[in-house]
Amino acid sequence: MQMKEIRQIAEKMNIRLAKVDKADLIRAIQRAEGNADCYAIGGHECDQVNCLWRKDCMRAVSRS
């Protein structure tokens, strides 16, 4: 997902974070949703198959 789309989601949720990277913004959204803020954190099995961020997350984890 592109940063522009992520920022739009954050704005709809009244999340205002200045100058953060993609991972930090997504984690803020996850916290606001009441979910674990685990985006792109390696070292664990992901069981969140319905997560909006899963595809991007798995790609980010595989790169690190």
N, C-alpha and C. Protein backbone atom coordinates (compact mmCIF):
# COMPACT_ATOMS: atom_id res chain seq x y z
N MET A 1 0.85 -1.17 0.00
CA MET A 1 0.00 0.00 0.00
C MET A 1 0.90 1.24 0.00
N GLN A 2 0.52 2.22 -0.74
CA GLN A 2 1.30 3.44 -0.87
C GLN A 2 1.11 4.34 0.36
N MET A 3 2.12 5.14 0.66
CA MET A 3 2.09 6.02 1.82
C MET A 3 0.90 6.97 1.79
N LYS A 4 0.52 7.44 0.61
CA LYS A 4 -0.62 8.34 0.48
C LYS A 4 -1.89 7.67 1.01
N GLU A 5 -2.08 6.42 0.64
CA GLU A 5 -3.26 5.67 1.09
C GLU A 5 -3.22 5.44 2.61
N ILE A 6 -2.05 5.16 3.12
CA ILE A 6 -1.89 4.94 4.56
C ILE A 6 -2.20 6.22 5.32
N ARG A 7 -1.70 7.33 4.83
CA ARG A 7 -1.99 8.62 5.48
C ARG A 7 -3.49 8.94 5.46
N GLN A 8 -4.17 8.59 4.39
CA GLN A 8 -5.62 8.81 4.32
C GLN A 8 -6.35 7.99 5.37
N ILE A 9 -5.94 6.74 5.55
CA ILE A 9 -6.53 5.90 6.59
C ILE A 9 -6.28 6.51 7.96
N ALA A 10 -5.05 6.94 8.20
CA ALA A 10 -4.70 7.55 9.48
C ALA A 10 -5.52 8.81 9.74
N GLU A 11 -5.69 9.64 8.73
CA GLU A 11 -6.47 10.87 8.89
C GLU A 11 -7.92 10.57 9.24
N LYS A 12 -8.50 9.54 8.61
CA LYS A 12 -9.87 9.15 8.92
C LYS A 12 -10.02 8.69 10.36
N MET A 13 -8.93 8.20 10.93
CA MET A 13 -8.93 7.71 12.31
C MET A 13 -8.42 8.77 13.28
N ASN A 14 -8.24 10.00 12.79
CA ASN A 14 -7.74 11.12 13.58
C ASN A 14 -6.36 10.85 14.17
N ILE A 15 -5.54 10.14 13.43
CA ILE A 15 -4.16 9.90 13.84
C ILE A 15 -3.30 10.92 13.13
N ARG A 16 -2.64 11.74 13.90
CA ARG A 16 -1.81 12.79 13.33
C ARG A 16 -0.38 12.61 13.83
N LEU A 17 0.46 12.15 12.97
CA LEU A 17 1.86 11.96 13.30
C LEU A 17 2.70 12.67 12.25
N ALA A 18 3.52 13.57 12.69
CA ALA A 18 4.35 14.33 11.75
C ALA A 18 5.63 13.57 11.45
N LYS A 19 5.96 13.51 10.20
CA LYS A 19 7.24 12.96 9.72
C LYS A 19 7.57 11.60 10.32
N VAL A 20 6.72 10.65 10.07
CA VAL A 20 7.01 9.27 10.49
C VAL A 20 7.15 8.41 9.26
N ASP A 21 7.84 7.30 9.42
CA ASP A 21 7.97 6.40 8.29
C ASP A 21 6.74 5.50 8.19
N LYS A 22 6.69 4.74 7.13
CA LYS A 22 5.54 3.90 6.83
C LYS A 22 5.24 2.93 7.97
N ALA A 23 6.26 2.26 8.48
CA ALA A 23 6.07 1.27 9.54
C ALA A 23 5.49 1.90 10.80
N ASP A 24 6.01 3.05 11.20
CA ASP A 24 5.51 3.71 12.41
C ASP A 24 4.07 4.16 12.25
N LEU A 25 3.72 4.65 11.08
CA LEU A 25 2.35 5.09 10.84
C LEU A 25 1.39 3.91 10.86
N ILE A 26 1.78 2.82 10.24
CA ILE A 26 0.92 1.63 10.24
C ILE A 26 0.77 1.10 11.66
N ARG A 27 1.84 1.08 12.44
CA ARG A 27 1.74 0.62 13.83
C ARG A 27 0.81 1.51 14.65
N ALA A 28 0.83 2.82 14.38
CA ALA A 28 -0.10 3.73 15.07
C ALA A 28 -1.54 3.40 14.72
N ILE A 29 -1.79 3.10 13.46
CA ILE A 29 -3.13 2.71 13.02
C ILE A 29 -3.53 1.40 13.71
N GLN A 30 -2.61 0.43 13.75
CA GLN A 30 -2.91 -0.84 14.40
C GLN A 30 -3.29 -0.62 15.87
N ARG A 31 -2.55 0.22 16.58
CA ARG A 31 -2.88 0.51 17.98
C ARG A 31 -4.26 1.15 18.10
N ALA A 32 -4.54 2.10 17.22
CA ALA A 32 -5.83 2.79 17.25
C ALA A 32 -6.99 1.83 16.99
N GLU A 33 -6.73 0.79 16.20
CA GLU A 33 -7.75 -0.22 15.91
C GLU A 33 -7.91 -1.21 17.07
N GLY A 34 -6.99 -1.15 18.03
CA GLY A 34 -7.03 -2.10 19.15
C GLY A 34 -6.31 -3.40 18.84
N ASN A 35 -5.48 -3.38 17.81
CA ASN A 35 -4.72 -4.56 17.42
C ASN A 35 -3.28 -4.45 17.88
N ALA A 36 -2.57 -5.57 17.80
CA ALA A 36 -1.15 -5.55 18.12
C ALA A 36 -0.42 -4.70 17.09
N ASP A 37 0.50 -3.89 17.56
CA ASP A 37 1.27 -3.03 16.64
C ASP A 37 2.52 -3.78 16.21
N CYS A 38 2.32 -4.73 15.32
CA CYS A 38 3.37 -5.68 14.96
C CYS A 38 3.86 -5.55 13.52
N TYR A 39 3.45 -4.53 12.81
CA TYR A 39 3.82 -4.40 11.40
C TYR A 39 5.33 -4.45 11.21
N ALA A 40 5.77 -5.36 10.34
CA ALA A 40 7.16 -5.50 9.92
C ALA A 40 8.13 -5.80 11.05
N ILE A 41 7.64 -6.44 12.09
CA ILE A 41 8.50 -6.88 13.18
C ILE A 41 8.74 -8.36 12.98
N GLY A 42 9.94 -8.70 12.66
CA GLY A 42 10.28 -10.09 12.38
C GLY A 42 10.41 -10.91 13.65
N GLY A 43 10.66 -12.19 13.47
CA GLY A 43 10.92 -13.05 14.60
C GLY A 43 9.70 -13.69 15.22
N HIS A 44 8.55 -13.59 14.58
CA HIS A 44 7.36 -14.25 15.11
C HIS A 44 6.50 -14.75 13.97
N GLU A 45 5.70 -15.72 14.26
CA GLU A 45 4.75 -16.25 13.28
C GLU A 45 3.54 -15.32 13.24
N CYS A 46 3.09 -14.99 12.06
CA CYS A 46 1.92 -14.12 11.93
C CYS A 46 0.68 -14.97 11.72
N ASP A 47 -0.26 -14.83 12.64
CA ASP A 47 -1.52 -15.55 12.52
C ASP A 47 -2.67 -14.63 12.14
N GLN A 48 -2.35 -13.40 11.78
CA GLN A 48 -3.36 -12.40 11.43
C GLN A 48 -3.65 -12.44 9.94
N VAL A 49 -4.35 -13.48 9.49
CA VAL A 49 -4.56 -13.68 8.06
C VAL A 49 -5.50 -12.64 7.44
N ASN A 50 -6.30 -11.96 8.24
CA ASN A 50 -7.22 -10.95 7.71
C ASN A 50 -6.73 -9.53 7.90
N CYS A 51 -5.48 -9.39 8.29
CA CYS A 51 -4.91 -8.07 8.54
C CYS A 51 -4.78 -7.29 7.23
N LEU A 52 -5.18 -6.05 7.26
CA LEU A 52 -5.09 -5.17 6.09
C LEU A 52 -3.64 -5.00 5.63
N TRP A 53 -2.71 -5.10 6.54
CA TRP A 53 -1.30 -4.82 6.26
C TRP A 53 -0.48 -6.07 5.99
N ARG A 54 -1.08 -7.24 6.05
CA ARG A 54 -0.35 -8.51 6.01
C ARG A 54 0.57 -8.64 4.79
N LYS A 55 0.07 -8.36 3.61
CA LYS A 55 0.85 -8.53 2.39
C LYS A 55 2.11 -7.65 2.42
N ASP A 56 1.93 -6.37 2.73
CA ASP A 56 3.06 -5.45 2.84
C ASP A 56 4.00 -5.88 3.96
N CYS A 57 3.45 -6.32 5.05
CA CYS A 57 4.23 -6.72 6.22
C CYS A 57 5.12 -7.91 5.89
N MET A 58 4.54 -8.93 5.28
CA MET A 58 5.32 -10.11 4.95
C MET A 58 6.45 -9.77 3.99
N ARG A 59 6.18 -8.87 3.06
CA ARG A 59 7.20 -8.42 2.11
C ARG A 59 8.31 -7.66 2.85
N ALA A 60 7.93 -6.79 3.78
CA ALA A 60 8.92 -6.02 4.54
C ALA A 60 9.77 -6.92 5.42
N VAL A 61 9.16 -7.90 6.05
CA VAL A 61 9.90 -8.81 6.92
C VAL A 61 10.88 -9.66 6.11
N SER A 62 10.46 -10.08 4.94
CA SER A 62 11.34 -10.92 4.12
C SER A 62 12.56 -10.16 3.60
N ARG A 63 12.47 -8.84 3.51
CA ARG A 63 13.58 -8.01 3.05
C ARG A 63 14.61 -7.76 4.14
N SER A 64 14.20 -7.89 5.38
CA SER A 64 15.14 -7.58 6.48
C SER A 64 15.89 -8.76 6.98
